[in-house]
Structures are given as structure tokens and as C-alpha cells.
Amino acid sequence: MHAVFCAVVLKLADRSSGKAVDGQETHMRGCKRGGFALNYLALLGTKGGPAIRPGSTMPTAHLLHLEGCPIIIDCGLGVARGLIDQGVALKDIRHIFITHLHSDHYLELGPLLHTAWTAGLSNIVQIYGPAGLDAYWAGFLTSMQADIDLRIADEGRPDLRRLVRFHVIDTPDVVQLDDIQVSALRNIHPPLVDTFALSFKTARSHVVFSGDTAYFPDLAGFTQGADLLVHEAMLEAAIEALLTRVGNGDERLRTHFYAAHSTAAEAAKIAAAANVKALALNHLIPSDDPDFGEAEWLAAIRPIWDGPFYLGHDGLRIAF
């Protein structure tokens, strides 16, 4: 099952209004055409897990700027601030991908869209993710209905409910965002089933996000030859200290870590097997323990991966 390449199925209907939309136009809008575009990835949030404490980095979020097209991958807490810090005008967001439904990957999706709306958003935002993401959005809209209705009536804004389209990642079809081919591979992140690695590929660039996943060799084939692999990682030497620091979990948390996540060494194995040009580690477990820094992460990967390497930190920008 994990070897099956999945991609975005385009269910081109507004789930709040029931009105069909023009898929060709709306899926390409917001990507600049022509000329040479700077390609880069900005790691907006690099912490594995939803909790933040004094000194923490922020949960998972990325900005991929590919062929003039800004794409957001995951919307953990802090994504709006991270985008602003990268110089992105929130009103210009057009494409968002959510890898799976754990809170550290989509908690701020609703607030991001609402804040973008108050900042001038007037065009459609296309959102791709697992089934059930639209239910989150419906709940958010219900919680903010009074504010949304007030701002429409009092400020003359367009209806936010009509500016968002959801597309479920569940079929082997491919979505094309201008010159960018987006595909997905179901990964291993129990107890969730609808959880995905994502590939963004053009004629000159290829970036792959592992998503949250246990080690599985099929990811190397999906990633083969990529310019950049962004892989989640767990530092084994620091796990016991982290479990003690969490304080309100039990043995099930340790079991989850090893069943649903990859060690740094396992991420390095995928990078080496896939012959990627560079490896970046994100969704770091842990990301905020002062007793474990870059030296410990390097010690975990260097016996396996000796190529270009980026240890994720919030705000890191990687050009490719």
C-alpha cells in the first residue's frame, strides 16, 4: 500500500456555497509566469509536536517558493507570524497543503485564513489535505460566525466562506500548479492512515517533504534525485530526557515516538538511498533541549549522510 503514489484529487466545488469553480484558473492563480524565479524553502516552524514552552521553537510550517509560486505546507501554531517574517503578504496566499490531521500541522489554518482575510484577501485559496480537513474549517467558521458576519456588514469585506476550496488527497491523480507537479505518497504515521509525503517538481527543481513518518524504504523511490529532502527526525539520545520533561504522558508516548517517527539516522538513510542533493531535518524531536545541539544531530547522521545538510531552525531559508 505504501508504494502507491497518491496525489491530489480535485473536487472542484465550494463546500460552503455548492458552486462549481473554474479549476484551471483558480489552481494556477497566484503563480508568477515568465522570467527567472528564485526558488527557496523557508522553515517557519521546526518543532515536533504541538506544545510550546519558554525557549521553544514553533510547530511545523513551511513556505516553499517555487517558480514564482508561494506554497504553504502545514500550518502549525505560528504560521502567520512566520510568513510575515519572511516578507509574505498574507493577502497573497493561494495554495496550502496539509500533510495530516495532527494539531501541530493544522491548528492555525483557520486563524491564518481569517487573518489573511482581514489583511485584504479577496481571491480563492486552494487547500489540499486529508479527508476531514473541511470539517475543521466548518467548525472554525461556526466559532467565528459573529465576527465574520460583522466584518462583512460593517467593513464591506467579501464573504470569507466563499474564498476557500478544499481538495482531498486520496487518489493517484496529479495536480498541476502552473509548472509545478504535486504528488503525494502515503507514509506511515499510526494511528492515522491519511498521512502523506509530498513532492513538488518542476523542469528544474524537485523538493520532497517526508511528512511525519516512521522509516520506510519506499520513500527513497518517491524522493529519487530530489534537490532537497525535508525529513522529520527524532534524536534518539534525547528521547528519555524529553519524556521526563513532558510530564503528563506515559509509556504510550514512547511507543508512539518509535512507531510513528523516524530517527535522524533513518532520515539519513533515505537521503543516501535517494541520492538527493541536500538533506534538511525538521519536525525535530526534540528541538529545544539545550543539552542536545547541532553536534549531537551531526553525530547521528554523518556516519550515513555526508552531503549538504541543514539542521532546521525557525526562519531558516534554503535556496536551491
C-alpha atoms as a PDB file:
ATOM      1  CA  MET A   1       0.000   0.000   0.000  1.00  0.00           C
ATOM      2  CA  HIS A   2       2.809   2.397   0.897  1.00  0.00           C
ATOM      3  CA  ALA A   3       4.376   2.042  -2.535  1.00  0.00           C
ATOM      4  CA  VAL A   4       1.347   3.570  -4.221  1.00  0.00           C
ATOM      5  CA  PHE A   5       1.928   7.134  -5.309  1.00  0.00           C
ATOM      6  CA  CYS A   6      -1.050   9.287  -4.423  1.00  0.00           C
ATOM      7  CA  ALA A   7      -1.830  12.816  -5.460  1.00  0.00           C
ATOM      8  CA  VAL A   8      -4.460  15.453  -5.156  1.00  0.00           C
ATOM      9  CA  VAL A   9      -7.971  14.758  -6.388  1.00  0.00           C
ATOM     10  CA  LEU A  10      -9.652  17.947  -7.480  1.00  0.00           C
ATOM     11  CA  LYS A  11     -13.154  18.109  -6.096  1.00  0.00           C
ATOM     12  CA  LEU A  12     -13.913  21.442  -7.663  1.00  0.00           C
ATOM     13  CA  ALA A  13     -16.846  22.595  -5.627  1.00  0.00           C
ATOM     14  CA  ASP A  14     -17.147  25.211  -2.938  1.00  0.00           C
ATOM     15  CA  ARG A  15     -18.215  23.185   0.085  1.00  0.00           C
ATOM     16  CA  SER A  16     -19.821  26.187   1.697  1.00  0.00           C
ATOM     17  CA  SER A  17     -21.792  27.504  -1.283  1.00  0.00           C
ATOM     18  CA  GLY A  18     -22.092  24.414  -3.504  1.00  0.00           C
ATOM     19  CA  LYS A  19     -20.993  26.468  -6.509  1.00  0.00           C
ATOM     20  CA  ALA A  20     -18.585  24.952  -9.014  1.00  0.00           C
ATOM     21  CA  VAL A  21     -15.335  26.782  -9.639  1.00  0.00           C
ATOM     22  CA  ASP A  22     -13.029  27.010 -12.632  1.00  0.00           C
ATOM     23  CA  GLY A  23     -10.253  24.571 -11.683  1.00  0.00           C
ATOM     24  CA  GLN A  24      -7.783  25.645 -14.353  1.00  0.00           C
ATOM     25  CA  GLU A  25      -7.987  29.306 -13.388  1.00  0.00           C
ATOM     26  CA  THR A  26      -8.084  29.022  -9.621  1.00  0.00           C
ATOM     27  CA  HIS A  27      -5.384  26.377  -9.306  1.00  0.00           C
ATOM     28  CA  MET A  28      -2.901  28.473 -11.278  1.00  0.00           C
ATOM     29  CA  ARG A  29      -3.741  31.931  -9.948  1.00  0.00           C
ATOM     30  CA  GLY A  30      -1.052  33.386  -7.688  1.00  0.00           C
ATOM     31  CA  CYS A  31       1.912  31.804  -9.514  1.00  0.00           C
ATOM     32  CA  LYS A  32       4.009  34.294 -11.471  1.00  0.00           C
ATOM     33  CA  ARG A  33       4.783  33.300 -15.030  1.00  0.00           C
ATOM     34  CA  GLY A  34       7.861  34.116 -17.076  1.00  0.00           C
ATOM     35  CA  GLY A  35      11.371  35.187 -16.112  1.00  0.00           C
ATOM     36  CA  PHE A  36      13.715  33.561 -13.633  1.00  0.00           C
ATOM     37  CA  ALA A  37      12.195  32.937 -10.220  1.00  0.00           C
ATOM     38  CA  LEU A  38      14.225  32.437  -7.064  1.00  0.00           C
ATOM     39  CA  ASN A  39      13.497  29.020  -5.589  1.00  0.00           C
ATOM     40  CA  TYR A  40      13.771  28.641  -1.838  1.00  0.00           C
ATOM     41  CA  LEU A  41      12.301  26.909   1.165  1.00  0.00           C
ATOM     42  CA  ALA A  42      11.715  28.748   4.434  1.00  0.00           C
ATOM     43  CA  LEU A  43      11.269  26.634   7.558  1.00  0.00           C
ATOM     44  CA  LEU A  44       8.708  28.625   9.535  1.00  0.00           C
ATOM     45  CA  GLY A  45       8.296  26.161  12.390  1.00  0.00           C
ATOM     46  CA  THR A  46      10.591  23.228  13.117  1.00  0.00           C
ATOM     47  CA  LYS A  47       9.390  21.763  16.406  1.00  0.00           C
ATOM     48  CA  GLY A  48       7.978  18.252  16.513  1.00  0.00           C
ATOM     49  CA  GLY A  49       4.722  18.201  18.464  1.00  0.00           C
ATOM     50  CA  PRO A  50       2.200  20.865  19.495  1.00  0.00           C
ATOM     51  CA  ALA A  51       3.483  22.008  22.911  1.00  0.00           C
ATOM     52  CA  ILE A  52       5.481  25.206  23.256  1.00  0.00           C
ATOM     53  CA  ARG A  53       7.415  26.263  26.342  1.00  0.00           C
ATOM     54  CA  PRO A  54       9.817  29.090  27.149  1.00  0.00           C
ATOM     55  CA  GLY A  55      12.670  28.811  24.673  1.00  0.00           C
ATOM     56  CA  SER A  56      10.747  26.565  22.265  1.00  0.00           C
ATOM     57  CA  THR A  57      10.760  26.752  18.531  1.00  0.00           C
ATOM     58  CA  MET A  58       7.315  26.722  16.882  1.00  0.00           C
ATOM     59  CA  PRO A  59       5.376  23.745  15.464  1.00  0.00           C
ATOM     60  CA  THR A  60       5.580  22.646  11.856  1.00  0.00           C
ATOM     61  CA  ALA A  61       5.058  25.041   8.954  1.00  0.00           C
ATOM     62  CA  HIS A  62       6.917  25.707   5.701  1.00  0.00           C
ATOM     63  CA  LEU A  63       6.930  28.233   2.886  1.00  0.00           C
ATOM     64  CA  LEU A  64       8.035  26.792  -0.461  1.00  0.00           C
ATOM     65  CA  HIS A  65       8.688  29.444  -3.102  1.00  0.00           C
ATOM     66  CA  LEU A  66       8.897  27.529  -6.369  1.00  0.00           C
ATOM     67  CA  GLU A  67       8.954  29.056  -9.859  1.00  0.00           C
ATOM     68  CA  GLY A  68       7.338  32.235  -8.561  1.00  0.00           C
ATOM     69  CA  CYS A  69       4.605  30.327  -6.724  1.00  0.00           C
ATOM     70  CA  PRO A  70       4.415  30.639  -2.904  1.00  0.00           C
ATOM     71  CA  ILE A  71       3.114  27.396  -1.371  1.00  0.00           C
ATOM     72  CA  ILE A  72       2.441  26.779   2.317  1.00  0.00           C
ATOM     73  CA  ILE A  73       2.984  23.256   3.639  1.00  0.00           C
ATOM     74  CA  ASP A  74       1.416  22.670   7.058  1.00  0.00           C
ATOM     75  CA  CYS A  75       0.001  25.300   9.370  1.00  0.00           C
ATOM     76  CA  GLY A  76       1.146  24.684  12.912  1.00  0.00           C
ATOM     77  CA  LEU A  77       0.891  27.362  15.580  1.00  0.00           C
ATOM     78  CA  GLY A  78       2.817  30.460  14.498  1.00  0.00           C
ATOM     79  CA  VAL A  79       2.498  30.045  10.735  1.00  0.00           C
ATOM     80  CA  ALA A  80       1.051  33.537  10.173  1.00  0.00           C
ATOM     81  CA  ARG A  81       3.870  35.229  12.089  1.00  0.00           C
ATOM     82  CA  GLY A  82       6.407  33.064  10.265  1.00  0.00           C
ATOM     83  CA  LEU A  83       5.068  34.103   6.871  1.00  0.00           C
ATOM     84  CA  ILE A  84       5.128  37.771   7.814  1.00  0.00           C
ATOM     85  CA  ASP A  85       8.721  37.402   8.991  1.00  0.00           C
ATOM     86  CA  GLN A  86       9.560  36.053   5.513  1.00  0.00           C
ATOM     87  CA  GLY A  87       8.044  39.145   3.902  1.00  0.00           C
ATOM     88  CA  VAL A  88       4.914  37.405   2.638  1.00  0.00           C
ATOM     89  CA  ALA A  89       1.751  39.481   2.382  1.00  0.00           C
ATOM     90  CA  LEU A  90      -0.959  37.224   3.810  1.00  0.00           C
ATOM     91  CA  LYS A  91      -3.485  38.509   1.277  1.00  0.00           C
ATOM     92  CA  ASP A  92      -1.368  36.889  -1.448  1.00  0.00           C
ATOM     93  CA  ILE A  93      -1.567  33.289  -0.214  1.00  0.00           C
ATOM     94  CA  ARG A  94      -3.140  30.921  -2.751  1.00  0.00           C
ATOM     95  CA  HIS A  95      -2.080  27.303  -2.114  1.00  0.00           C
ATOM     96  CA  ILE A  96      -1.895  25.404   1.188  1.00  0.00           C
ATOM     97  CA  PHE A  97      -1.077  21.722   1.698  1.00  0.00           C
ATOM     98  CA  ILE A  98      -1.720  19.865   4.963  1.00  0.00           C
ATOM     99  CA  THR A  99       0.133  16.566   5.356  1.00  0.00           C
ATOM    100  CA  HIS A 100      -2.058  15.033   8.078  1.00  0.00           C
ATOM    101  CA  LEU A 101      -4.507  15.841  10.837  1.00  0.00           C
ATOM    102  CA  HIS A 102      -2.347  16.232  13.918  1.00  0.00           C
ATOM    103  CA  SER A 103      -2.776  19.616  15.576  1.00  0.00           C
ATOM    104  CA  ASP A 104       0.845  20.692  15.158  1.00  0.00           C
ATOM    105  CA  HIS A 105       0.265  20.626  11.393  1.00  0.00           C
ATOM    106  CA  TYR A 106      -3.078  22.413  11.018  1.00  0.00           C
ATOM    107  CA  LEU A 107      -4.043  24.170  14.259  1.00  0.00           C
ATOM    108  CA  GLU A 108      -3.509  27.647  12.785  1.00  0.00           C
ATOM    109  CA  LEU A 109      -5.075  27.020   9.372  1.00  0.00           C
ATOM    110  CA  GLY A 110      -8.317  28.768  10.331  1.00  0.00           C
ATOM    111  CA  PRO A 111      -6.674  31.728  12.054  1.00  0.00           C
ATOM    112  CA  LEU A 112      -4.250  32.099   9.126  1.00  0.00           C
ATOM    113  CA  LEU A 113      -7.095  32.334   6.619  1.00  0.00           C
ATOM    114  CA  HIS A 114      -9.095  34.708   8.825  1.00  0.00           C
ATOM    115  CA  THR A 115      -6.060  36.938   9.397  1.00  0.00           C
ATOM    116  CA  ALA A 116      -5.272  36.927   5.665  1.00  0.00           C
ATOM    117  CA  TRP A 117      -8.888  37.959   5.028  1.00  0.00           C
ATOM    118  CA  THR A 118      -8.615  40.904   7.422  1.00  0.00           C
ATOM    119  CA  ALA A 119      -5.338  41.799   5.663  1.00  0.00           C
ATOM    120  CA  GLY A 120      -7.053  42.093   2.277  1.00  0.00           C
ATOM    121  CA  LEU A 121      -7.507  38.555   0.918  1.00  0.00           C
ATOM    122  CA  SER A 122     -10.055  38.610  -1.899  1.00  0.00           C
ATOM    123  CA  ASN A 123      -9.014  35.679  -4.123  1.00  0.00           C
ATOM    124  CA  ILE A 124      -9.639  31.955  -3.765  1.00  0.00           C
ATOM    125  CA  VAL A 125      -7.286  29.897  -1.568  1.00  0.00           C
ATOM    126  CA  GLN A 126      -6.919  26.254  -2.599  1.00  0.00           C
ATOM    127  CA  ILE A 127      -6.319  23.836   0.273  1.00  0.00           C
ATOM    128  CA  TYR A 128      -5.222  20.236  -0.201  1.00  0.00           C
ATOM    129  CA  GLY A 129      -5.209  17.693   2.591  1.00  0.00           C
ATOM    130  CA  PRO A 130      -6.702  14.572   4.139  1.00  0.00           C
ATOM    131  CA  ALA A 131     -10.421  13.945   4.376  1.00  0.00           C
ATOM    132  CA  GLY A 132     -11.866  15.708   7.392  1.00  0.00           C
ATOM    133  CA  LEU A 133      -9.998  18.978   6.994  1.00  0.00           C
ATOM    134  CA  ASP A 134     -13.154  20.679   5.754  1.00  0.00           C
ATOM    135  CA  ALA A 135     -14.907  19.683   8.993  1.00  0.00           C
ATOM    136  CA  TYR A 136     -12.234  21.583  10.935  1.00  0.00           C
ATOM    137  CA  TRP A 137     -12.877  24.598   8.711  1.00  0.00           C
ATOM    138  CA  ALA A 138     -16.638  24.351   9.231  1.00  0.00           C
ATOM    139  CA  GLY A 139     -16.100  24.325  12.986  1.00  0.00           C
ATOM    140  CA  PHE A 140     -13.796  27.328  12.795  1.00  0.00           C
ATOM    141  CA  LEU A 141     -16.336  29.245  10.719  1.00  0.00           C
ATOM    142  CA  THR A 142     -19.042  28.463  13.268  1.00  0.00           C
ATOM    143  CA  SER A 143     -16.856  29.700  16.117  1.00  0.00           C
ATOM    144  CA  MET A 144     -16.121  32.957  14.250  1.00  0.00           C
ATOM    145  CA  GLN A 145     -19.513  33.477  12.587  1.00  0.00           C
ATOM    146  CA  ALA A 146     -20.412  36.593  14.567  1.00  0.00           C
ATOM    147  CA  ASP A 147     -17.101  38.269  13.742  1.00  0.00           C
ATOM    148  CA  ILE A 148     -17.190  37.269  10.063  1.00  0.00           C
ATOM    149  CA  ASP A 149     -20.767  38.474   9.588  1.00  0.00           C
ATOM    150  CA  LEU A 150     -19.993  41.726  11.418  1.00  0.00           C
ATOM    151  CA  ARG A 151     -16.968  42.490   9.258  1.00  0.00           C
ATOM    152  CA  ILE A 152     -18.901  41.785   6.068  1.00  0.00           C
ATOM    153  CA  ALA A 153     -21.717  44.103   7.126  1.00  0.00           C
ATOM    154  CA  ASP A 154     -19.614  46.772   8.838  1.00  0.00           C
ATOM    155  CA  GLU A 155     -16.488  46.813   6.638  1.00  0.00           C
ATOM    156  CA  GLY A 156     -17.766  45.656   3.249  1.00  0.00           C
ATOM    157  CA  ARG A 157     -15.456  42.660   3.020  1.00  0.00           C
ATOM    158  CA  PRO A 158     -16.138  39.675   0.727  1.00  0.00           C
ATOM    159  CA  ASP A 159     -17.554  36.575   2.409  1.00  0.00           C
ATOM    160  CA  LEU A 160     -14.625  34.548   3.759  1.00  0.00           C
ATOM    161  CA  ARG A 161     -16.701  31.384   3.458  1.00  0.00           C
ATOM    162  CA  ARG A 162     -16.640  31.740  -0.331  1.00  0.00           C
ATOM    163  CA  LEU A 163     -12.895  32.216  -0.611  1.00  0.00           C
ATOM    164  CA  VAL A 164     -11.723  28.736   0.377  1.00  0.00           C
ATOM    165  CA  ARG A 165     -11.786  25.474  -1.609  1.00  0.00           C
ATOM    166  CA  PHE A 166     -10.858  22.079  -0.166  1.00  0.00           C
ATOM    167  CA  HIS A 167      -9.426  19.172  -2.171  1.00  0.00           C
ATOM    168  CA  VAL A 168      -8.959  15.724  -0.663  1.00  0.00           C
ATOM    169  CA  ILE A 169      -5.668  13.876  -1.117  1.00  0.00           C
ATOM    170  CA  ASP A 170      -6.900  10.356  -1.780  1.00  0.00           C
ATOM    171  CA  THR A 171      -6.298   9.281  -5.398  1.00  0.00           C
ATOM    172  CA  PRO A 172      -3.370   8.651  -7.784  1.00  0.00           C
ATOM    173  CA  ASP A 173      -4.226  11.738  -9.854  1.00  0.00           C
ATOM    174  CA  VAL A 174      -1.727  14.595 -10.219  1.00  0.00           C
ATOM    175  CA  VAL A 175      -2.409  18.281  -9.617  1.00  0.00           C
ATOM    176  CA  GLN A 176      -0.532  20.781 -11.735  1.00  0.00           C
ATOM    177  CA  LEU A 177       0.051  24.238 -10.246  1.00  0.00           C
ATOM    178  CA  ASP A 178       1.234  26.120 -13.281  1.00  0.00           C
ATOM    179  CA  ASP A 179       4.607  24.407 -13.983  1.00  0.00           C
ATOM    180  CA  ILE A 180       4.662  22.515 -10.671  1.00  0.00           C
ATOM    181  CA  GLN A 181       3.648  18.869 -10.479  1.00  0.00           C
ATOM    182  CA  VAL A 182       2.485  17.958  -6.994  1.00  0.00           C
ATOM    183  CA  SER A 183       2.232  14.331  -5.925  1.00  0.00           C
ATOM    184  CA  ALA A 184       1.872  12.520  -2.629  1.00  0.00           C
ATOM    185  CA  LEU A 185       2.877   9.220  -1.111  1.00  0.00           C
ATOM    186  CA  ARG A 186       1.024   7.691   1.796  1.00  0.00           C
ATOM    187  CA  ASN A 187       3.533   7.313   4.607  1.00  0.00           C
ATOM    188  CA  ILE A 188       3.487   5.533   7.987  1.00  0.00           C
ATOM    189  CA  HIS A 189       2.251   7.578  10.924  1.00  0.00           C
ATOM    190  CA  PRO A 190      -0.073   5.499  13.101  1.00  0.00           C
ATOM    191  CA  PRO A 191      -2.721   5.647  14.334  1.00  0.00           C
ATOM    192  CA  LEU A 192      -3.529   7.955  11.385  1.00  0.00           C
ATOM    193  CA  VAL A 193      -3.966   6.431   7.933  1.00  0.00           C
ATOM    194  CA  ASP A 194      -4.449   9.514   5.744  1.00  0.00           C
ATOM    195  CA  THR A 195      -0.981  10.957   6.156  1.00  0.00           C
ATOM    196  CA  PHE A 196       1.324  11.876   3.288  1.00  0.00           C
ATOM    197  CA  ALA A 197       4.760  12.720   1.997  1.00  0.00           C
ATOM    198  CA  LEU A 198       4.606  15.454  -0.654  1.00  0.00           C
ATOM    199  CA  SER A 199       6.660  16.046  -3.796  1.00  0.00           C
ATOM    200  CA  PHE A 200       6.863  19.366  -5.673  1.00  0.00           C
ATOM    201  CA  LYS A 201       8.579  19.028  -9.036  1.00  0.00           C
ATOM    202  CA  THR A 202       9.284  21.305 -11.993  1.00  0.00           C
ATOM    203  CA  ALA A 203      11.541  21.004 -15.031  1.00  0.00           C
ATOM    204  CA  ARG A 204      14.465  22.373 -12.995  1.00  0.00           C
ATOM    205  CA  SER A 205      13.682  21.741  -9.312  1.00  0.00           C
ATOM    206  CA  HIS A 206      12.412  18.953  -7.065  1.00  0.00           C
ATOM    207  CA  VAL A 207      11.632  19.217  -3.342  1.00  0.00           C
ATOM    208  CA  VAL A 208      10.187  16.438  -1.184  1.00  0.00           C
ATOM    209  CA  PHE A 209       8.681  16.631   2.303  1.00  0.00           C
ATOM    210  CA  SER A 210       8.606  13.361   4.220  1.00  0.00           C
ATOM    211  CA  GLY A 211       5.716  14.417   6.433  1.00  0.00           C
ATOM    212  CA  ASP A 212       5.570  12.749   9.825  1.00  0.00           C
ATOM    213  CA  THR A 213       6.519   9.134   9.240  1.00  0.00           C
ATOM    214  CA  ALA A 214       8.231   6.063  10.561  1.00  0.00           C
ATOM    215  CA  TYR A 215      11.112   4.823   8.448  1.00  0.00           C
ATOM    216  CA  PHE A 216      10.032   3.115   5.241  1.00  0.00           C
ATOM    217  CA  PRO A 217      12.276   2.482   2.223  1.00  0.00           C
ATOM    218  CA  ASP A 218       9.611   3.313  -0.382  1.00  0.00           C
ATOM    219  CA  LEU A 219      10.128   6.981   0.448  1.00  0.00           C
ATOM    220  CA  ALA A 220      13.556   6.812  -1.216  1.00  0.00           C
ATOM    221  CA  GLY A 221      11.999   5.916  -4.558  1.00  0.00           C
ATOM    222  CA  PHE A 222       9.500   8.751  -4.264  1.00  0.00           C
ATOM    223  CA  THR A 223      12.352  11.146  -3.469  1.00  0.00           C
ATOM    224  CA  GLN A 224      14.904   9.884  -6.005  1.00  0.00           C
ATOM    225  CA  GLY A 225      17.269  12.605  -7.197  1.00  0.00           C
ATOM    226  CA  ALA A 226      15.485  15.482  -5.451  1.00  0.00           C
ATOM    227  CA  ASP A 227      17.284  18.771  -4.967  1.00  0.00           C
ATOM    228  CA  LEU A 228      16.156  18.847  -1.359  1.00  0.00           C
ATOM    229  CA  LEU A 229      14.643  16.315   1.022  1.00  0.00           C
ATOM    230  CA  VAL A 230      12.969  17.816   4.071  1.00  0.00           C
ATOM    231  CA  HIS A 231      12.662  14.962   6.535  1.00  0.00           C
ATOM    232  CA  GLU A 232      11.298  14.779  10.060  1.00  0.00           C
ATOM    233  CA  ALA A 233      13.744  13.487  12.652  1.00  0.00           C
ATOM    234  CA  MET A 234      13.994  12.226  16.194  1.00  0.00           C
ATOM    235  CA  LEU A 235      17.252  12.325  18.166  1.00  0.00           C
ATOM    236  CA  GLU A 236      17.374   9.004  19.973  1.00  0.00           C
ATOM    237  CA  ALA A 237      19.896  10.159  22.548  1.00  0.00           C
ATOM    238  CA  ALA A 238      17.480  12.843  23.755  1.00  0.00           C
ATOM    239  CA  ILE A 239      14.228  10.867  23.945  1.00  0.00           C
ATOM    240  CA  GLU A 240      14.401   9.803  27.587  1.00  0.00           C
ATOM    241  CA  ALA A 241      15.089  13.371  28.720  1.00  0.00           C
ATOM    242  CA  LEU A 242      12.161  14.571  26.599  1.00  0.00           C
ATOM    243  CA  LEU A 243       9.781  12.014  28.065  1.00  0.00           C
ATOM    244  CA  THR A 244      10.724  13.150  31.555  1.00  0.00           C
ATOM    245  CA  ARG A 245      10.197  16.789  30.591  1.00  0.00           C
ATOM    246  CA  VAL A 246       6.731  16.189  29.084  1.00  0.00           C
ATOM    247  CA  GLY A 247       5.480  15.178  32.487  1.00  0.00           C
ATOM    248  CA  ASN A 248       1.913  14.100  31.734  1.00  0.00           C
ATOM    249  CA  GLY A 249       2.397  11.200  29.319  1.00  0.00           C
ATOM    250  CA  ASP A 250       3.090   7.529  29.940  1.00  0.00           C
ATOM    251  CA  GLU A 251       4.681   4.600  28.127  1.00  0.00           C
ATOM    252  CA  ARG A 252       2.303   5.130  25.206  1.00  0.00           C
ATOM    253  CA  LEU A 253       4.146   8.323  24.249  1.00  0.00           C
ATOM    254  CA  ARG A 254       7.455   6.442  23.935  1.00  0.00           C
ATOM    255  CA  THR A 255       5.678   3.769  21.896  1.00  0.00           C
ATOM    256  CA  HIS A 256       4.219   6.444  19.601  1.00  0.00           C
ATOM    257  CA  PHE A 257       7.601   8.057  19.014  1.00  0.00           C
ATOM    258  CA  TYR A 258       9.158   4.827  17.767  1.00  0.00           C
ATOM    259  CA  ALA A 259       6.108   3.581  15.826  1.00  0.00           C
ATOM    260  CA  ALA A 260       5.295   6.840  14.045  1.00  0.00           C
ATOM    261  CA  HIS A 261       8.534   8.807  13.633  1.00  0.00           C
ATOM    262  CA  SER A 262      11.992   8.418  12.100  1.00  0.00           C
ATOM    263  CA  THR A 263      15.318   8.759  13.825  1.00  0.00           C
ATOM    264  CA  ALA A 264      17.886  11.153  12.396  1.00  0.00           C
ATOM    265  CA  ALA A 265      19.902   8.139  11.215  1.00  0.00           C
ATOM    266  CA  GLU A 266      16.865   6.760   9.392  1.00  0.00           C
ATOM    267  CA  ALA A 267      16.288  10.111   7.681  1.00  0.00           C
ATOM    268  CA  ALA A 268      19.919   9.999   6.585  1.00  0.00           C
ATOM    269  CA  LYS A 269      19.377   6.501   5.151  1.00  0.00           C
ATOM    270  CA  ILE A 270      16.529   7.781   2.982  1.00  0.00           C
ATOM    271  CA  ALA A 271      18.616  10.726   1.764  1.00  0.00           C
ATOM    272  CA  ALA A 272      21.518   8.457   0.849  1.00  0.00           C
ATOM    273  CA  ALA A 273      19.342   5.852  -0.870  1.00  0.00           C
ATOM    274  CA  ALA A 274      17.506   8.558  -2.839  1.00  0.00           C
ATOM    275  CA  ASN A 275      20.713  10.291  -3.980  1.00  0.00           C
ATOM    276  CA  VAL A 276      19.296  13.683  -3.059  1.00  0.00           C
ATOM    277  CA  LYS A 277      21.395  16.799  -3.420  1.00  0.00           C
ATOM    278  CA  ALA A 278      20.722  18.067   0.124  1.00  0.00           C
ATOM    279  CA  LEU A 279      19.025  16.980   3.341  1.00  0.00           C
ATOM    280  CA  ALA A 280      17.192  19.235   5.796  1.00  0.00           C
ATOM    281  CA  LEU A 281      15.869  17.930   9.100  1.00  0.00           C
ATOM    282  CA  ASN A 282      12.708  19.447  10.528  1.00  0.00           C
ATOM    283  CA  HIS A 283       9.905  18.484  12.929  1.00  0.00           C
ATOM    284  CA  LEU A 284      12.735  17.928  15.367  1.00  0.00           C
ATOM    285  CA  ILE A 285      12.131  15.742  18.417  1.00  0.00           C
ATOM    286  CA  PRO A 286      13.376  17.485  20.483  1.00  0.00           C
ATOM    287  CA  SER A 287      14.099  20.928  19.049  1.00  0.00           C
ATOM    288  CA  ASP A 288      14.508  22.863  22.281  1.00  0.00           C
ATOM    289  CA  ASP A 289      16.680  20.893  24.681  1.00  0.00           C
ATOM    290  CA  PRO A 290      19.868  22.897  25.401  1.00  0.00           C
ATOM    291  CA  ASP A 291      21.706  19.694  26.272  1.00  0.00           C
ATOM    292  CA  PHE A 292      21.363  18.425  22.698  1.00  0.00           C
ATOM    293  CA  GLY A 293      22.532  20.667  19.888  1.00  0.00           C
ATOM    294  CA  GLU A 294      23.939  20.552  16.380  1.00  0.00           C
ATOM    295  CA  ALA A 295      26.883  18.363  17.369  1.00  0.00           C
ATOM    296  CA  GLU A 296      24.578  15.571  18.548  1.00  0.00           C
ATOM    297  CA  TRP A 297      22.440  15.739  15.401  1.00  0.00           C
ATOM    298  CA  LEU A 298      25.539  15.647  13.201  1.00  0.00           C
ATOM    299  CA  ALA A 299      26.859  12.658  15.115  1.00  0.00           C
ATOM    300  CA  ALA A 300      23.614  10.837  14.345  1.00  0.00           C
ATOM    301  CA  ILE A 301      23.613  11.464  10.570  1.00  0.00           C
ATOM    302  CA  ARG A 302      27.250  11.757   9.446  1.00  0.00           C
ATOM    303  CA  PRO A 303      28.075   8.031   9.505  1.00  0.00           C
ATOM    304  CA  ILE A 304      25.371   7.640   6.828  1.00  0.00           C
ATOM    305  CA  TRP A 305      24.973  11.005   5.064  1.00  0.00           C
ATOM    306  CA  ASP A 306      27.970  13.159   4.183  1.00  0.00           C
ATOM    307  CA  GLY A 307      26.260  15.503   1.724  1.00  0.00           C
ATOM    308  CA  PRO A 308      24.926  19.040   2.222  1.00  0.00           C
ATOM    309  CA  PHE A 309      22.928  19.202   5.436  1.00  0.00           C
ATOM    310  CA  TYR A 310      20.658  21.718   7.161  1.00  0.00           C
ATOM    311  CA  LEU A 311      19.539  21.341  10.757  1.00  0.00           C
ATOM    312  CA  GLY A 312      16.194  23.091  10.864  1.00  0.00           C
ATOM    313  CA  HIS A 313      15.549  26.174  12.936  1.00  0.00           C
ATOM    314  CA  ASP A 314      12.691  28.625  12.706  1.00  0.00           C
ATOM    315  CA  GLY A 315      13.253  31.161   9.937  1.00  0.00           C
ATOM    316  CA  LEU A 316      15.943  29.147   8.116  1.00  0.00           C
ATOM    317  CA  ARG A 317      15.813  29.853   4.366  1.00  0.00           C
ATOM    318  CA  ILE A 318      17.352  27.337   1.969  1.00  0.00           C
ATOM    319  CA  ALA A 319      17.915  28.337  -1.660  1.00  0.00           C
ATOM    320  CA  PHE A 320      18.130  25.660  -4.340  1.00  0.00           C
END
